[in-house]
């Protein structure tokens, strides 16, 4: 239920003339830290859709970047990081903003493990 709610909310963000997502976005980001990995990942995998709206784009990219650095202590951090890089790719494909690509590549470069760095980089090939 939590994952479905987050997905619906993310999908509705593109038709938000009253900018309600500005207020609700922190709650959506909190859903990416769910105690169960499946709802957390489903929430994370849909959050990029909020960034399609120009006014939310910087907020989404910043939140994803923060999540990328903060997830290191979590059990499935490599999956979370992969989802974040994929989110940035999806957002980039939708809006074609080079800043998003630069941020994603910058995040990939921070990965110390060559195996995971290669895996994350494969999203951008």
PDB file of N, CA and C in Angstrom:
ATOM      1  N   UNK A   1       0.818  -1.198   0.000  1.00  0.00           N
ATOM      2  CA  UNK A   1       0.000   0.000   0.000  1.00  0.00           C
ATOM      3  C   UNK A   1       0.868   1.270   0.000  1.00  0.00           C
ATOM      4  N   UNK A   2       1.954   1.242   0.801  1.00  0.00           N
ATOM      5  CA  UNK A   2       2.816   2.423   0.872  1.00  0.00           C
ATOM      6  C   UNK A   2       3.486   2.682  -0.472  1.00  0.00           C
ATOM      7  N   UNK A   3       3.954   1.622  -1.105  1.00  0.00           N
ATOM      8  CA  UNK A   3       4.631   1.776  -2.396  1.00  0.00           C
ATOM      9  C   UNK A   3       3.657   2.259  -3.465  1.00  0.00           C
ATOM     10  N   UNK A   4       2.463   1.720  -3.469  1.00  0.00           N
ATOM     11  CA  UNK A   4       1.463   2.128  -4.456  1.00  0.00           C
ATOM     12  C   UNK A   4       1.092   3.589  -4.255  1.00  0.00           C
ATOM     13  N   UNK A   5       0.925   3.984  -3.001  1.00  0.00           N
ATOM     14  CA  UNK A   5       0.610   5.383  -2.709  1.00  0.00           C
ATOM     15  C   UNK A   5       1.709   6.314  -3.205  1.00  0.00           C
ATOM     16  N   UNK A   6       2.937   5.935  -2.969  1.00  0.00           N
ATOM     17  CA  UNK A   6       4.068   6.758  -3.413  1.00  0.00           C
ATOM     18  C   UNK A   6       4.123   6.834  -4.935  1.00  0.00           C
ATOM     19  N   UNK A   7       3.870   5.719  -5.598  1.00  0.00           N
ATOM     20  CA  UNK A   7       3.890   5.699  -7.060  1.00  0.00           C
ATOM     21  C   UNK A   7       2.790   6.574  -7.648  1.00  0.00           C
ATOM     22  N   UNK A   8       1.606   6.512  -7.059  1.00  0.00           N
ATOM     23  CA  UNK A   8       0.499   7.348  -7.527  1.00  0.00           C
ATOM     24  C   UNK A   8       0.830   8.822  -7.319  1.00  0.00           C
ATOM     25  N   UNK A   9       1.359   9.150  -6.170  1.00  0.00           N
ATOM     26  CA  UNK A   9       1.732  10.526  -5.868  1.00  0.00           C
ATOM     27  C   UNK A   9       2.787  11.036  -6.855  1.00  0.00           C
ATOM     28  N   UNK A  10       3.788  10.215  -7.139  1.00  0.00           N
ATOM     29  CA  UNK A  10       4.829  10.606  -8.095  1.00  0.00           C
ATOM     30  C   UNK A  10       4.253  10.798  -9.490  1.00  0.00           C
ATOM     31  N   UNK A  11       3.331   9.946  -9.871  1.00  0.00           N
ATOM     32  CA  UNK A  11       2.702  10.071 -11.193  1.00  0.00           C
ATOM     33  C   UNK A  11       1.821  11.307 -11.288  1.00  0.00           C
ATOM     34  N   UNK A  12       1.234  11.713 -10.190  1.00  0.00           N
ATOM     35  CA  UNK A  12       0.366  12.892 -10.193  1.00  0.00           C
ATOM     36  C   UNK A  12       1.144  14.205 -10.185  1.00  0.00           C
ATOM     37  N   UNK A  13       2.422  14.136  -9.889  1.00  0.00           N
ATOM     38  CA  UNK A  13       3.236  15.352  -9.763  1.00  0.00           C
ATOM     39  C   UNK A  13       3.271  16.172 -11.044  1.00  0.00           C
ATOM     40  N   UNK A  14       3.169  15.523 -12.198  1.00  0.00           N
ATOM     41  CA  UNK A  14       3.236  16.277 -13.453  1.00  0.00           C
ATOM     42  C   UNK A  14       1.991  17.112 -13.706  1.00  0.00           C
ATOM     43  N   UNK A  15       0.923  16.835 -12.996  1.00  0.00           N
ATOM     44  CA  UNK A  15      -0.295  17.645 -13.131  1.00  0.00           C
ATOM     45  C   UNK A  15      -0.612  18.293 -11.777  1.00  0.00           C
ATOM     46  N   UNK A  16       0.305  19.152 -11.347  1.00  0.00           N
ATOM     47  CA  UNK A  16       0.200  19.784 -10.036  1.00  0.00           C
ATOM     48  C   UNK A  16       0.268  21.308 -10.169  1.00  0.00           C
ATOM     49  N   UNK A  17      -0.784  21.936 -10.686  1.00  0.00           N
ATOM     50  CA  UNK A  17      -0.736  23.384 -10.903  1.00  0.00           C
ATOM     51  C   UNK A  17      -0.661  24.202  -9.604  1.00  0.00           C
ATOM     52  N   UNK A  18      -1.057  23.610  -8.492  1.00  0.00           N
ATOM     53  CA  UNK A  18      -1.027  24.334  -7.214  1.00  0.00           C
ATOM     54  C   UNK A  18       0.261  24.087  -6.427  1.00  0.00           C
ATOM     55  N   UNK A  19       1.207  23.403  -7.028  1.00  0.00           N
ATOM     56  CA  UNK A  19       2.511  23.135  -6.414  1.00  0.00           C
ATOM     57  C   UNK A  19       2.428  22.455  -5.046  1.00  0.00           C
ATOM     58  N   UNK A  20       1.515  21.538  -4.896  1.00  0.00           N
ATOM     59  CA  UNK A  20       1.376  20.819  -3.634  1.00  0.00           C
ATOM     60  C   UNK A  20       2.555  19.885  -3.381  1.00  0.00           C
ATOM     61  N   UNK A  21       3.198  19.458  -4.466  1.00  0.00           N
ATOM     62  CA  UNK A  21       4.320  18.532  -4.320  1.00  0.00           C
ATOM     63  C   UNK A  21       5.484  19.172  -3.558  1.00  0.00           C
ATOM     64  N   UNK A  22       5.599  20.487  -3.623  1.00  0.00           N
ATOM     65  CA  UNK A  22       6.640  21.180  -2.861  1.00  0.00           C
ATOM     66  C   UNK A  22       6.545  20.795  -1.386  1.00  0.00           C
ATOM     67  N   UNK A  23       5.328  20.739  -0.894  1.00  0.00           N
ATOM     68  CA  UNK A  23       5.083  20.436   0.519  1.00  0.00           C
ATOM     69  C   UNK A  23       5.163  18.926   0.785  1.00  0.00           C
ATOM     70  N   UNK A  24       4.713  18.115  -0.162  1.00  0.00           N
ATOM     71  CA  UNK A  24       4.614  16.673   0.049  1.00  0.00           C
ATOM     72  C   UNK A  24       5.878  15.897  -0.307  1.00  0.00           C
ATOM     73  N   UNK A  25       6.796  16.520  -1.016  1.00  0.00           N
ATOM     74  CA  UNK A  25       7.981  15.799  -1.479  1.00  0.00           C
ATOM     75  C   UNK A  25       8.818  15.206  -0.342  1.00  0.00           C
ATOM     76  N   UNK A  26       9.044  15.916   0.761  1.00  0.00           N
ATOM     77  CA  UNK A  26       9.818  15.297   1.849  1.00  0.00           C
ATOM     78  C   UNK A  26       9.201  13.982   2.349  1.00  0.00           C
ATOM     79  N   UNK A  27       7.898  13.893   2.369  1.00  0.00           N
ATOM     80  CA  UNK A  27       7.240  12.649   2.784  1.00  0.00           C
ATOM     81  C   UNK A  27       7.507  11.539   1.774  1.00  0.00           C
ATOM     82  N   UNK A  28       7.551  11.903   0.509  1.00  0.00           N
ATOM     83  CA  UNK A  28       7.844  10.928  -0.536  1.00  0.00           C
ATOM     84  C   UNK A  28       9.276  10.406  -0.391  1.00  0.00           C
ATOM     85  N   UNK A  29      10.196  11.288  -0.093  1.00  0.00           N
ATOM     86  CA  UNK A  29      11.595  10.886   0.114  1.00  0.00           C
ATOM     87  C   UNK A  29      11.702   9.969   1.334  1.00  0.00           C
ATOM     88  N   UNK A  30      10.933  10.250   2.357  1.00  0.00           N
ATOM     89  CA  UNK A  30      10.922   9.393   3.547  1.00  0.00           C
ATOM     90  C   UNK A  30      10.506   7.976   3.186  1.00  0.00           C
ATOM     91  N   UNK A  31       9.631   7.834   2.214  1.00  0.00           N
ATOM     92  CA  UNK A  31       9.200   6.514   1.757  1.00  0.00           C
ATOM     93  C   UNK A  31      10.326   5.690   1.149  1.00  0.00           C
ATOM     94  N   UNK A  32      11.381   6.349   0.718  1.00  0.00           N
ATOM     95  CA  UNK A  32      12.522   5.613   0.166  1.00  0.00           C
ATOM     96  C   UNK A  32      13.364   4.974   1.265  1.00  0.00           C
ATOM     97  N   UNK A  33      13.024   5.287   2.506  1.00  0.00           N
ATOM     98  CA  UNK A  33      13.747   4.727   3.654  1.00  0.00           C
ATOM     99  C   UNK A  33      12.862   3.755   4.439  1.00  0.00           C
ATOM    100  N   UNK A  34      11.873   3.217   3.798  1.00  0.00           N
ATOM    101  CA  UNK A  34      10.953   2.267   4.423  1.00  0.00           C
ATOM    102  C   UNK A  34      11.730   1.081   5.004  1.00  0.00           C
ATOM    103  N   UNK A  35      11.228   0.511   6.100  1.00  0.00           N
ATOM    104  CA  UNK A  35      11.926  -0.621   6.715  1.00  0.00           C
ATOM    105  C   UNK A  35      11.923  -1.861   5.824  1.00  0.00           C
ATOM    106  N   UNK A  36      10.966  -1.953   4.942  1.00  0.00           N
ATOM    107  CA  UNK A  36      10.912  -3.058   3.970  1.00  0.00           C
ATOM    108  C   UNK A  36      11.533  -2.581   2.668  1.00  0.00           C
ATOM    109  N   UNK A  37      12.422  -3.368   2.115  1.00  0.00           N
ATOM    110  CA  UNK A  37      13.172  -2.937   0.937  1.00  0.00           C
ATOM    111  C   UNK A  37      12.291  -2.816  -0.310  1.00  0.00           C
ATOM    112  N   UNK A  38      11.299  -3.658  -0.462  1.00  0.00           N
ATOM    113  CA  UNK A  38      10.476  -3.614  -1.680  1.00  0.00           C
ATOM    114  C   UNK A  38       9.697  -2.302  -1.792  1.00  0.00           C
ATOM    115  N   UNK A  39       8.943  -1.875  -0.761  1.00  0.00           N
ATOM    116  CA  UNK A  39       8.268  -0.584  -0.883  1.00  0.00           C
ATOM    117  C   UNK A  39       9.249   0.580  -1.007  1.00  0.00           C
ATOM    118  N   UNK A  40      10.383   0.477  -0.332  1.00  0.00           N
ATOM    119  CA  UNK A  40      11.385   1.540  -0.423  1.00  0.00           C
ATOM    120  C   UNK A  40      11.902   1.665  -1.852  1.00  0.00           C
ATOM    121  N   UNK A  41      12.216   0.540  -2.472  1.00  0.00           N
ATOM    122  CA  UNK A  41      12.729   0.576  -3.847  1.00  0.00           C
ATOM    123  C   UNK A  41      11.653   1.012  -4.835  1.00  0.00           C
ATOM    124  N   UNK A  42      10.436   0.562  -4.650  1.00  0.00           N
ATOM    125  CA  UNK A  42       9.358   0.975  -5.564  1.00  0.00           C
ATOM    126  C   UNK A  42       9.124   2.478  -5.469  1.00  0.00           C
ATOM    127  N   UNK A  43       9.197   3.002  -4.272  1.00  0.00           N
ATOM    128  CA  UNK A  43       9.071   4.448  -4.089  1.00  0.00           C
ATOM    129  C   UNK A  43      10.226   5.153  -4.775  1.00  0.00           C
ATOM    130  N   UNK A  44      11.416   4.657  -4.538  1.00  0.00           N
ATOM    131  CA  UNK A  44      12.615   5.253  -5.124  1.00  0.00           C
ATOM    132  C   UNK A  44      12.576   5.204  -6.649  1.00  0.00           C
ATOM    133  N   UNK A  45      12.111   4.107  -7.199  1.00  0.00           N
ATOM    134  CA  UNK A  45      12.081   3.945  -8.651  1.00  0.00           C
ATOM    135  C   UNK A  45      11.064   4.849  -9.344  1.00  0.00           C
ATOM    136  N   UNK A  46      10.137   5.397  -8.603  1.00  0.00           N
ATOM    137  CA  UNK A  46       9.139   6.278  -9.218  1.00  0.00           C
ATOM    138  C   UNK A  46       9.372   7.759  -8.910  1.00  0.00           C
ATOM    139  N   UNK A  47      10.273   8.062  -8.011  1.00  0.00           N
ATOM    140  CA  UNK A  47      10.448   9.439  -7.535  1.00  0.00           C
ATOM    141  C   UNK A  47      10.966  10.379  -8.628  1.00  0.00           C
ATOM    142  N   UNK A  48      11.652   9.862  -9.626  1.00  0.00           N
ATOM    143  CA  UNK A  48      12.185  10.708 -10.697  1.00  0.00           C
ATOM    144  C   UNK A  48      11.073  11.447 -11.433  1.00  0.00           C
ATOM    145  N   UNK A  49       9.877  10.886 -11.457  1.00  0.00           N
ATOM    146  CA  UNK A  49       8.757  11.486 -12.192  1.00  0.00           C
ATOM    147  C   UNK A  49       8.373  12.852 -11.636  1.00  0.00           C
ATOM    148  N   UNK A  50       8.654  13.070 -10.375  1.00  0.00           N
ATOM    149  CA  UNK A  50       8.380  14.366  -9.765  1.00  0.00           C
ATOM    150  C   UNK A  50       9.258  15.438 -10.408  1.00  0.00           C
ATOM    151  N   UNK A  51      10.469  15.072 -10.784  1.00  0.00           N
ATOM    152  CA  UNK A  51      11.424  16.009 -11.365  1.00  0.00           C
ATOM    153  C   UNK A  51      11.139  16.407 -12.790  1.00  0.00           C
ATOM    154  N   UNK A  52      10.157  15.805 -13.413  1.00  0.00           N
ATOM    155  CA  UNK A  52       9.793  16.189 -14.784  1.00  0.00           C
ATOM    156  C   UNK A  52       9.295  17.625 -14.808  1.00  0.00           C
ATOM    157  N   UNK A  53       8.651  18.033 -13.731  1.00  0.00           N
ATOM    158  CA  UNK A  53       8.229  19.420 -13.596  1.00  0.00           C
ATOM    159  C   UNK A  53       9.456  20.273 -13.306  1.00  0.00           C
ATOM    160  N   UNK A  54       9.677  21.284 -14.108  1.00  0.00           N
ATOM    161  CA  UNK A  54      10.879  22.121 -14.010  1.00  0.00           C
ATOM    162  C   UNK A  54      11.080  22.683 -12.601  1.00  0.00           C
ATOM    163  N   UNK A  55      10.001  23.088 -11.960  1.00  0.00           N
ATOM    164  CA  UNK A  55      10.119  23.717 -10.638  1.00  0.00           C
ATOM    165  C   UNK A  55      10.560  22.731  -9.552  1.00  0.00           C
ATOM    166  N   UNK A  56      10.436  21.439  -9.812  1.00  0.00           N
ATOM    167  CA  UNK A  56      10.831  20.423  -8.832  1.00  0.00           C
ATOM    168  C   UNK A  56      12.141  19.724  -9.200  1.00  0.00           C
ATOM    169  N   UNK A  57      12.662  20.017 -10.355  1.00  0.00           N
ATOM    170  CA  UNK A  57      13.817  19.292 -10.873  1.00  0.00           C
ATOM    171  C   UNK A  57      15.042  19.357  -9.949  1.00  0.00           C
ATOM    172  N   UNK A  58      15.421  20.538  -9.536  1.00  0.00           N
ATOM    173  CA  UNK A  58      16.585  20.683  -8.655  1.00  0.00           C
ATOM    174  C   UNK A  58      16.364  19.996  -7.316  1.00  0.00           C
ATOM    175  N   UNK A  59      15.163  20.091  -6.799  1.00  0.00           N
ATOM    176  CA  UNK A  59      14.837  19.466  -5.523  1.00  0.00           C
ATOM    177  C   UNK A  59      14.985  17.953  -5.606  1.00  0.00           C
ATOM    178  N   UNK A  60      14.495  17.380  -6.693  1.00  0.00           N
ATOM    179  CA  UNK A  60      14.562  15.929  -6.871  1.00  0.00           C
ATOM    180  C   UNK A  60      16.010  15.474  -7.028  1.00  0.00           C
ATOM    181  N   UNK A  61      16.759  16.153  -7.868  1.00  0.00           N
ATOM    182  CA  UNK A  61      18.160  15.773  -8.082  1.00  0.00           C
ATOM    183  C   UNK A  61      18.948  15.884  -6.778  1.00  0.00           C
ATOM    184  N   UNK A  62      18.730  16.937  -6.032  1.00  0.00           N
ATOM    185  CA  UNK A  62      19.424  17.111  -4.755  1.00  0.00           C
ATOM    186  C   UNK A  62      19.040  16.008  -3.761  1.00  0.00           C
ATOM    187  N   UNK A  63      17.765  15.667  -3.714  1.00  0.00           N
ATOM    188  CA  UNK A  63      17.306  14.618  -2.800  1.00  0.00           C
ATOM    189  C   UNK A  63      17.904  13.267  -3.182  1.00  0.00           C
ATOM    190  N   UNK A  64      17.962  12.986  -4.477  1.00  0.00           N
ATOM    191  CA  UNK A  64      18.547  11.723  -4.926  1.00  0.00           C
ATOM    192  C   UNK A  64      20.045  11.681  -4.613  1.00  0.00           C
ATOM    193  N   UNK A  65      20.724  12.788  -4.800  1.00  0.00           N
ATOM    194  CA  UNK A  65      22.156  12.844  -4.496  1.00  0.00           C
ATOM    195  C   UNK A  65      22.400  12.634  -2.998  1.00  0.00           C
ATOM    196  N   UNK A  66      21.580  13.255  -2.180  1.00  0.00           N
ATOM    197  CA  UNK A  66      21.699  13.075  -0.728  1.00  0.00           C
ATOM    198  C   UNK A  66      21.438  11.633  -0.330  1.00  0.00           C
ATOM    199  N   UNK A  67      20.435  11.058  -0.949  1.00  0.00           N
ATOM    200  CA  UNK A  67      20.086   9.657  -0.664  1.00  0.00           C
ATOM    201  C   UNK A  67      21.227   8.727  -1.079  1.00  0.00           C
ATOM    202  N   UNK A  68      21.878   9.049  -2.185  1.00  0.00           N
ATOM    203  CA  UNK A  68      23.001   8.256  -2.682  1.00  0.00           C
ATOM    204  C   UNK A  68      24.122   8.210  -1.647  1.00  0.00           C
ATOM    205  N   UNK A  69      24.412   9.333  -1.037  1.00  0.00           N
ATOM    206  CA  UNK A  69      25.500   9.375  -0.055  1.00  0.00           C
ATOM    207  C   UNK A  69      25.070   8.840   1.307  1.00  0.00           C
ATOM    208  N   UNK A  70      23.806   8.975   1.649  1.00  0.00           N
ATOM    209  CA  UNK A  70      23.325   8.565   2.969  1.00  0.00           C
ATOM    210  C   UNK A  70      23.023   7.078   3.112  1.00  0.00           C
ATOM    211  N   UNK A  71      22.897   6.362   2.021  1.00  0.00           N
ATOM    212  CA  UNK A  71      22.411   4.977   2.089  1.00  0.00           C
ATOM    213  C   UNK A  71      23.499   3.961   2.429  1.00  0.00           C
ATOM    214  N   UNK A  72      24.723   4.391   2.582  1.00  0.00           N
ATOM    215  CA  UNK A  72      25.848   3.471   2.798  1.00  0.00           C
ATOM    216  C   UNK A  72      25.686   2.574   4.027  1.00  0.00           C
ATOM    217  N   UNK A  73      24.962   3.005   5.009  1.00  0.00           N
ATOM    218  CA  UNK A  73      24.804   2.219   6.234  1.00  0.00           C
ATOM    219  C   UNK A  73      23.636   1.236   6.159  1.00  0.00           C
ATOM    220  N   UNK A  74      22.882   1.282   5.082  1.00  0.00           N
ATOM    221  CA  UNK A  74      21.710   0.425   4.952  1.00  0.00           C
ATOM    222  C   UNK A  74      22.082  -0.936   4.376  1.00  0.00           C
ATOM    223  N   UNK A  75      21.217  -1.900   4.596  1.00  0.00           N
ATOM    224  CA  UNK A  75      21.485  -3.274   4.202  1.00  0.00           C
ATOM    225  C   UNK A  75      21.658  -3.427   2.686  1.00  0.00           C
ATOM    226  N   UNK A  76      20.795  -2.861   1.901  1.00  0.00           N
ATOM    227  CA  UNK A  76      20.806  -3.033   0.443  1.00  0.00           C
ATOM    228  C   UNK A  76      21.275  -1.768  -0.272  1.00  0.00           C
ATOM    229  N   UNK A  77      22.330  -1.179   0.215  1.00  0.00           N
ATOM    230  CA  UNK A  77      22.794   0.112  -0.301  1.00  0.00           C
ATOM    231  C   UNK A  77      23.177   0.062  -1.773  1.00  0.00           C
ATOM    232  N   UNK A  78      23.692  -1.063  -2.252  1.00  0.00           N
ATOM    233  CA  UNK A  78      24.079  -1.115  -3.668  1.00  0.00           C
ATOM    234  C   UNK A  78      22.854  -1.077  -4.578  1.00  0.00           C
ATOM    235  N   UNK A  79      21.784  -1.731  -4.167  1.00  0.00           N
ATOM    236  CA  UNK A  79      20.535  -1.686  -4.945  1.00  0.00           C
ATOM    237  C   UNK A  79      19.943  -0.284  -4.930  1.00  0.00           C
ATOM    238  N   UNK A  80      19.996   0.348  -3.787  1.00  0.00           N
ATOM    239  CA  UNK A  80      19.474   1.705  -3.652  1.00  0.00           C
ATOM    240  C   UNK A  80      20.266   2.650  -4.542  1.00  0.00           C
ATOM    241  N   UNK A  81      21.570   2.531  -4.507  1.00  0.00           N
ATOM    242  CA  UNK A  81      22.412   3.392  -5.349  1.00  0.00           C
ATOM    243  C   UNK A  81      22.141   3.151  -6.834  1.00  0.00           C
ATOM    244  N   UNK A  82      21.982   1.908  -7.202  1.00  0.00           N
ATOM    245  CA  UNK A  82      21.678   1.601  -8.598  1.00  0.00           C
ATOM    246  C   UNK A  82      20.351   2.248  -9.012  1.00  0.00           C
ATOM    247  N   UNK A  83      19.346   2.142  -8.152  1.00  0.00           N
ATOM    248  CA  UNK A  83      18.044   2.749  -8.445  1.00  0.00           C
ATOM    249  C   UNK A  83      18.155   4.264  -8.586  1.00  0.00           C
ATOM    250  N   UNK A  84      18.985   4.875  -7.766  1.00  0.00           N
ATOM    251  CA  UNK A  84      19.162   6.332  -7.836  1.00  0.00           C
ATOM    252  C   UNK A  84      19.797   6.731  -9.162  1.00  0.00           C
ATOM    253  N   UNK A  85      20.821   6.000  -9.573  1.00  0.00           N
ATOM    254  CA  UNK A  85      21.464   6.289 -10.859  1.00  0.00           C
ATOM    255  C   UNK A  85      20.471   6.071 -11.996  1.00  0.00           C
ATOM    256  N   UNK A  86      19.656   5.037 -11.899  1.00  0.00           N
ATOM    257  CA  UNK A  86      18.634   4.784 -12.924  1.00  0.00           C
ATOM    258  C   UNK A  86      17.587   5.900 -12.918  1.00  0.00           C
ATOM    259  N   UNK A  87      17.214   6.386 -11.734  1.00  0.00           N
ATOM    260  CA  UNK A  87      16.282   7.514 -11.645  1.00  0.00           C
ATOM    261  C   UNK A  87      16.830   8.735 -12.367  1.00  0.00           C
ATOM    262  N   UNK A  88      18.091   9.018 -12.120  1.00  0.00           N
ATOM    263  CA  UNK A  88      18.704  10.177 -12.771  1.00  0.00           C
ATOM    264  C   UNK A  88      18.749   9.984 -14.283  1.00  0.00           C
ATOM    265  N   UNK A  89      18.990   8.775 -14.728  1.00  0.00           N
ATOM    266  CA  UNK A  89      18.982   8.486 -16.167  1.00  0.00           C
ATOM    267  C   UNK A  89      17.582   8.696 -16.740  1.00  0.00           C
ATOM    268  N   UNK A  90      16.568   8.184 -16.056  1.00  0.00           N
ATOM    269  CA  UNK A  90      15.187   8.339 -16.519  1.00  0.00           C
ATOM    270  C   UNK A  90      14.803   9.818 -16.605  1.00  0.00           C
ATOM    271  N   UNK A  91      15.178  10.564 -15.584  1.00  0.00           N
ATOM    272  CA  UNK A  91      14.870  11.992 -15.564  1.00  0.00           C
ATOM    273  C   UNK A  91      15.603  12.706 -16.700  1.00  0.00           C
ATOM    274  N   UNK A  92      16.857  12.364 -16.890  1.00  0.00           N
ATOM    275  CA  UNK A  92      17.640  12.963 -17.974  1.00  0.00           C
ATOM    276  C   UNK A  92      17.000  12.667 -19.339  1.00  0.00           C
ATOM    277  N   UNK A  93      16.587  11.436 -19.550  1.00  0.00           N
ATOM    278  CA  UNK A  93      15.962  11.051 -20.828  1.00  0.00           C
ATOM    279  C   UNK A  93      14.669  11.829 -21.071  1.00  0.00           C
ATOM    280  N   UNK A  94      13.985  12.160 -20.006  1.00  0.00           N
ATOM    281  CA  UNK A  94      12.718  12.878 -20.132  1.00  0.00           C
ATOM    282  C   UNK A  94      12.926  14.368 -20.388  1.00  0.00           C
ATOM    283  N   UNK A  95      13.875  14.993 -19.673  1.00  0.00           N
ATOM    284  CA  UNK A  95      14.002  16.453 -19.755  1.00  0.00           C
ATOM    285  C   UNK A  95      15.245  16.935 -20.503  1.00  0.00           C
ATOM    286  N   UNK A  96      16.198  16.039 -20.762  1.00  0.00           N
ATOM    287  CA  UNK A  96      17.423  16.364 -21.520  1.00  0.00           C
ATOM    288  C   UNK A  96      18.214  17.532 -20.923  1.00  0.00           C
ATOM    289  N   UNK A  97      18.363  17.542 -19.609  1.00  0.00           N
ATOM    290  CA  UNK A  97      19.149  18.568 -18.929  1.00  0.00           C
ATOM    291  C   UNK A  97      20.521  17.982 -18.593  1.00  0.00           C
ATOM    292  N   UNK A  98      21.561  18.556 -19.140  1.00  0.00           N
ATOM    293  CA  UNK A  98      22.925  18.038 -18.968  1.00  0.00           C
ATOM    294  C   UNK A  98      23.376  18.071 -17.506  1.00  0.00           C
ATOM    295  N   UNK A  99      22.815  18.960 -16.702  1.00  0.00           N
ATOM    296  CA  UNK A  99      23.182  19.032 -15.288  1.00  0.00           C
ATOM    297  C   UNK A  99      22.850  17.723 -14.569  1.00  0.00           C
ATOM    298  N   UNK A 100      21.780  17.089 -14.984  1.00  0.00           N
ATOM    299  CA  UNK A 100      21.369  15.825 -14.373  1.00  0.00           C
ATOM    300  C   UNK A 100      22.388  14.735 -14.705  1.00  0.00           C
ATOM    301  N   UNK A 101      22.788  14.684 -15.950  1.00  0.00           N
ATOM    302  CA  UNK A 101      23.793  13.703 -16.362  1.00  0.00           C
ATOM    303  C   UNK A 101      25.109  13.936 -15.626  1.00  0.00           C
ATOM    304  N   UNK A 102      25.519  15.172 -15.541  1.00  0.00           N
ATOM    305  CA  UNK A 102      26.763  15.511 -14.830  1.00  0.00           C
ATOM    306  C   UNK A 102      26.696  15.076 -13.372  1.00  0.00           C
ATOM    307  N   UNK A 103      25.573  15.297 -12.741  1.00  0.00           N
ATOM    308  CA  UNK A 103      25.410  14.922 -11.336  1.00  0.00           C
ATOM    309  C   UNK A 103      25.489  13.408 -11.177  1.00  0.00           C
ATOM    310  N   UNK A 104      24.844  12.682 -12.068  1.00  0.00           N
ATOM    311  CA  UNK A 104      24.863  11.222 -11.997  1.00  0.00           C
ATOM    312  C   UNK A 104      26.287  10.691 -12.166  1.00  0.00           C
ATOM    313  N   UNK A 105      27.000  11.217 -13.146  1.00  0.00           N
ATOM    314  CA  UNK A 105      28.373  10.771 -13.382  1.00  0.00           C
ATOM    315  C   UNK A 105      29.280  11.144 -12.209  1.00  0.00           C
ATOM    316  N   UNK A 106      29.004  12.276 -11.607  1.00  0.00           N
ATOM    317  CA  UNK A 106      29.748  12.703 -10.422  1.00  0.00           C
ATOM    318  C   UNK A 106      29.517  11.733  -9.262  1.00  0.00           C
ATOM    319  N   UNK A 107      28.275  11.317  -9.079  1.00  0.00           N
ATOM    320  CA  UNK A 107      27.951  10.358  -8.020  1.00  0.00           C
ATOM    321  C   UNK A 107      28.622   9.010  -8.276  1.00  0.00           C
ATOM    322  N   UNK A 108      28.614   8.583  -9.517  1.00  0.00           N
ATOM    323  CA  UNK A 108      29.248   7.310  -9.873  1.00  0.00           C
ATOM    324  C   UNK A 108      30.732   7.349  -9.533  1.00  0.00           C
ATOM    325  N   UNK A 109      31.359   8.467  -9.787  1.00  0.00           N
ATOM    326  CA  UNK A 109      32.795   8.607  -9.509  1.00  0.00           C
ATOM    327  C   UNK A 109      33.115   8.527  -8.016  1.00  0.00           C
ATOM    328  N   UNK A 110      32.139   8.798  -7.163  1.00  0.00           N
ATOM    329  CA  UNK A 110      32.392   8.718  -5.721  1.00  0.00           C
ATOM    330  C   UNK A 110      32.424   7.280  -5.220  1.00  0.00           C
ATOM    331  N   UNK A 111      31.919   6.349  -6.020  1.00  0.00           N
ATOM    332  CA  UNK A 111      31.926   4.932  -5.630  1.00  0.00           C
ATOM    333  C   UNK A 111      33.359   4.414  -5.621  1.00  0.00           C
ATOM    334  N   UNK A 112      33.762   3.822  -4.511  1.00  0.00           N
ATOM    335  CA  UNK A 112      35.129   3.341  -4.366  1.00  0.00           C
ATOM    336  C   UNK A 112      35.331   1.933  -4.908  1.00  0.00           C
ATOM    337  N   UNK A 113      34.301   1.116  -4.868  1.00  0.00           N
ATOM    338  CA  UNK A 113      34.402  -0.269  -5.333  1.00  0.00           C
ATOM    339  C   UNK A 113      34.260  -0.299  -6.865  1.00  0.00           C
ATOM    340  N   UNK A 114      35.281  -0.775  -7.544  1.00  0.00           N
ATOM    341  CA  UNK A 114      35.302  -0.786  -9.017  1.00  0.00           C
ATOM    342  C   UNK A 114      34.144  -1.603  -9.603  1.00  0.00           C
ATOM    343  N   UNK A 115      33.775  -2.680  -8.930  1.00  0.00           N
ATOM    344  CA  UNK A 115      32.673  -3.534  -9.406  1.00  0.00           C
ATOM    345  C   UNK A 115      31.364  -2.743  -9.473  1.00  0.00           C
ATOM    346  N   UNK A 116      31.065  -2.013  -8.406  1.00  0.00           N
ATOM    347  CA  UNK A 116      29.821  -1.251  -8.358  1.00  0.00           C
ATOM    348  C   UNK A 116      29.891  -0.009  -9.235  1.00  0.00           C
ATOM    349  N   UNK A 117      31.065   0.589  -9.309  1.00  0.00           N
ATOM    350  CA  UNK A 117      31.237   1.745 -10.181  1.00  0.00           C
ATOM    351  C   UNK A 117      30.919   1.355 -11.626  1.00  0.00           C
ATOM    352  N   UNK A 118      31.397   0.192 -12.032  1.00  0.00           N
ATOM    353  CA  UNK A 118      31.143  -0.309 -13.387  1.00  0.00           C
ATOM    354  C   UNK A 118      29.643  -0.590 -13.588  1.00  0.00           C
ATOM    355  N   UNK A 119      29.030  -1.169 -12.576  1.00  0.00           N
ATOM    356  CA  UNK A 119      27.600  -1.477 -12.645  1.00  0.00           C
ATOM    357  C   UNK A 119      26.779  -0.191 -12.792  1.00  0.00           C
ATOM    358  N   UNK A 120      27.088   0.828 -11.991  1.00  0.00           N
ATOM    359  CA  UNK A 120      26.361   2.092 -12.050  1.00  0.00           C
ATOM    360  C   UNK A 120      26.605   2.788 -13.377  1.00  0.00           C
ATOM    361  N   UNK A 121      27.837   2.738 -13.855  1.00  0.00           N
ATOM    362  CA  UNK A 121      28.177   3.380 -15.119  1.00  0.00           C
ATOM    363  C   UNK A 121      27.461   2.721 -16.293  1.00  0.00           C
ATOM    364  N   UNK A 122      27.137   1.445 -16.177  1.00  0.00           N
ATOM    365  CA  UNK A 122      26.451   0.739 -17.267  1.00  0.00           C
ATOM    366  C   UNK A 122      25.070   1.345 -17.565  1.00  0.00           C
ATOM    367  N   UNK A 123      24.495   2.021 -16.599  1.00  0.00           N
ATOM    368  CA  UNK A 123      23.195   2.676 -16.802  1.00  0.00           C
ATOM    369  C   UNK A 123      23.322   3.798 -17.833  1.00  0.00           C
ATOM    370  N   UNK A 124      24.496   4.408 -17.932  1.00  0.00           N
ATOM    371  CA  UNK A 124      24.695   5.566 -18.813  1.00  0.00           C
ATOM    372  C   UNK A 124      25.321   5.206 -20.144  1.00  0.00           C
ATOM    373  N   UNK A 125      25.468   3.926 -20.442  1.00  0.00           N
ATOM    374  CA  UNK A 125      26.047   3.540 -21.737  1.00  0.00           C
ATOM    375  C   UNK A 125      24.985   3.375 -22.777  1.00  0.00           C
TER     376      UNK A 125
END
